[in-house]
Amino acid sequence: MESNKRSLYKAITWPAVHILFVGTLVYFFEMAITGEAHWEYAGTFAIIYTMCEMLGFFLHERAWNKFGKKVK
């Protein structure tokens, strides 16, 4: 079992890695499609997308806690 400190570090670093990854993808897709790209747009999209994913994951976990006890 891992420590609370390690879990906290992982919980903080994963969104940062995800934001960097998604932002980079959006930047290069925008560059490929339009011929120009802006880090401001890519970064903003990545942050909003990651926040939506975090909310979705939280709601998913809450639903499993409520209804998932029946699944073995």
Protein backbone atom coordinates (compact mmCIF):
# COMPACT_ATOMS: atom_id res chain seq x y z
CA MET A 1 0.00 0.00 0.00
CA GLU A 2 1.40 3.39 -0.92
CA SER A 3 1.63 6.35 1.44
CA ASN A 4 -0.77 9.30 1.47
CA LYS A 5 2.11 11.60 0.53
CA ARG A 6 2.90 9.54 -2.58
CA SER A 7 -0.78 9.44 -3.57
CA LEU A 8 -1.01 13.22 -3.16
CA TYR A 9 2.05 13.78 -5.36
CA LYS A 10 0.59 11.50 -8.01
CA ALA A 11 -2.77 13.29 -7.83
CA ILE A 12 -1.02 16.63 -8.40
CA THR A 13 1.42 15.56 -11.11
CA TRP A 14 -1.01 13.58 -13.27
CA PRO A 15 -3.21 16.57 -14.23
CA ALA A 16 -0.06 18.59 -14.98
CA VAL A 17 1.24 15.87 -17.30
CA HIS A 18 -2.20 15.51 -18.89
CA ILE A 19 -2.53 19.27 -19.48
CA LEU A 20 0.89 19.34 -21.16
CA PHE A 21 0.05 16.32 -23.32
CA VAL A 22 -3.40 17.55 -24.42
CA GLY A 23 -2.13 21.10 -24.98
CA THR A 24 0.65 19.84 -27.21
CA LEU A 25 -1.74 17.67 -29.23
CA VAL A 26 -4.20 20.55 -29.69
CA TYR A 27 -1.37 22.87 -30.73
CA PHE A 28 -0.09 20.52 -33.42
CA PHE A 29 -3.58 19.60 -34.68
CA GLU A 30 -4.43 23.30 -34.95
CA MET A 31 -1.17 23.86 -36.81
CA ALA A 32 -1.91 20.99 -39.21
CA ILE A 33 -5.48 22.13 -39.88
CA THR A 34 -5.17 25.92 -40.04
CA GLY A 35 -1.47 26.46 -40.72
CA GLU A 36 -1.03 28.47 -37.53
CA ALA A 37 -1.38 27.69 -33.85
CA HIS A 38 -1.50 29.53 -30.55
CA TRP A 39 -0.28 28.13 -27.23
CA GLU A 40 -2.87 30.29 -25.43
CA TYR A 41 -5.77 28.47 -27.12
CA ALA A 42 -4.17 25.05 -26.79
CA GLY A 43 -3.38 25.61 -23.11
CA THR A 44 -6.82 26.95 -22.30
CA PHE A 45 -8.49 24.01 -24.04
CA ALA A 46 -6.20 21.56 -22.24
CA ILE A 47 -6.98 23.05 -18.83
CA ILE A 48 -10.74 23.09 -19.42
CA TYR A 49 -10.68 19.57 -20.86
CA THR A 50 -8.68 18.21 -17.93
CA MET A 51 -11.01 19.88 -15.42
CA CYS A 52 -14.03 18.30 -17.16
CA GLU A 53 -12.30 14.90 -17.06
CA MET A 54 -11.55 15.31 -13.35
CA LEU A 55 -15.19 16.18 -12.66
CA GLY A 56 -16.35 13.23 -14.76
CA PHE A 57 -14.00 10.88 -12.93
CA PHE A 58 -15.20 12.16 -9.55
CA LEU A 59 -18.86 11.66 -10.51
CA HIS A 60 -18.04 8.21 -11.90
CA GLU A 61 -16.37 7.24 -8.62
CA ARG A 62 -19.33 8.54 -6.59
CA ALA A 63 -21.76 6.55 -8.75
CA TRP A 64 -19.68 3.39 -8.31
CA ASN A 65 -19.63 3.96 -4.55
CA LYS A 66 -23.40 4.26 -4.55
CA PHE A 67 -24.42 1.60 -7.06
CA GLY A 68 -21.31 -0.55 -7.61
CA LYS A 69 -21.64 -2.58 -4.44
CA LYS A 70 -23.93 -4.97 -6.29
CA VAL A 71 -21.18 -5.82 -8.78
CA LYS A 72 -18.87 -8.62 -7.59
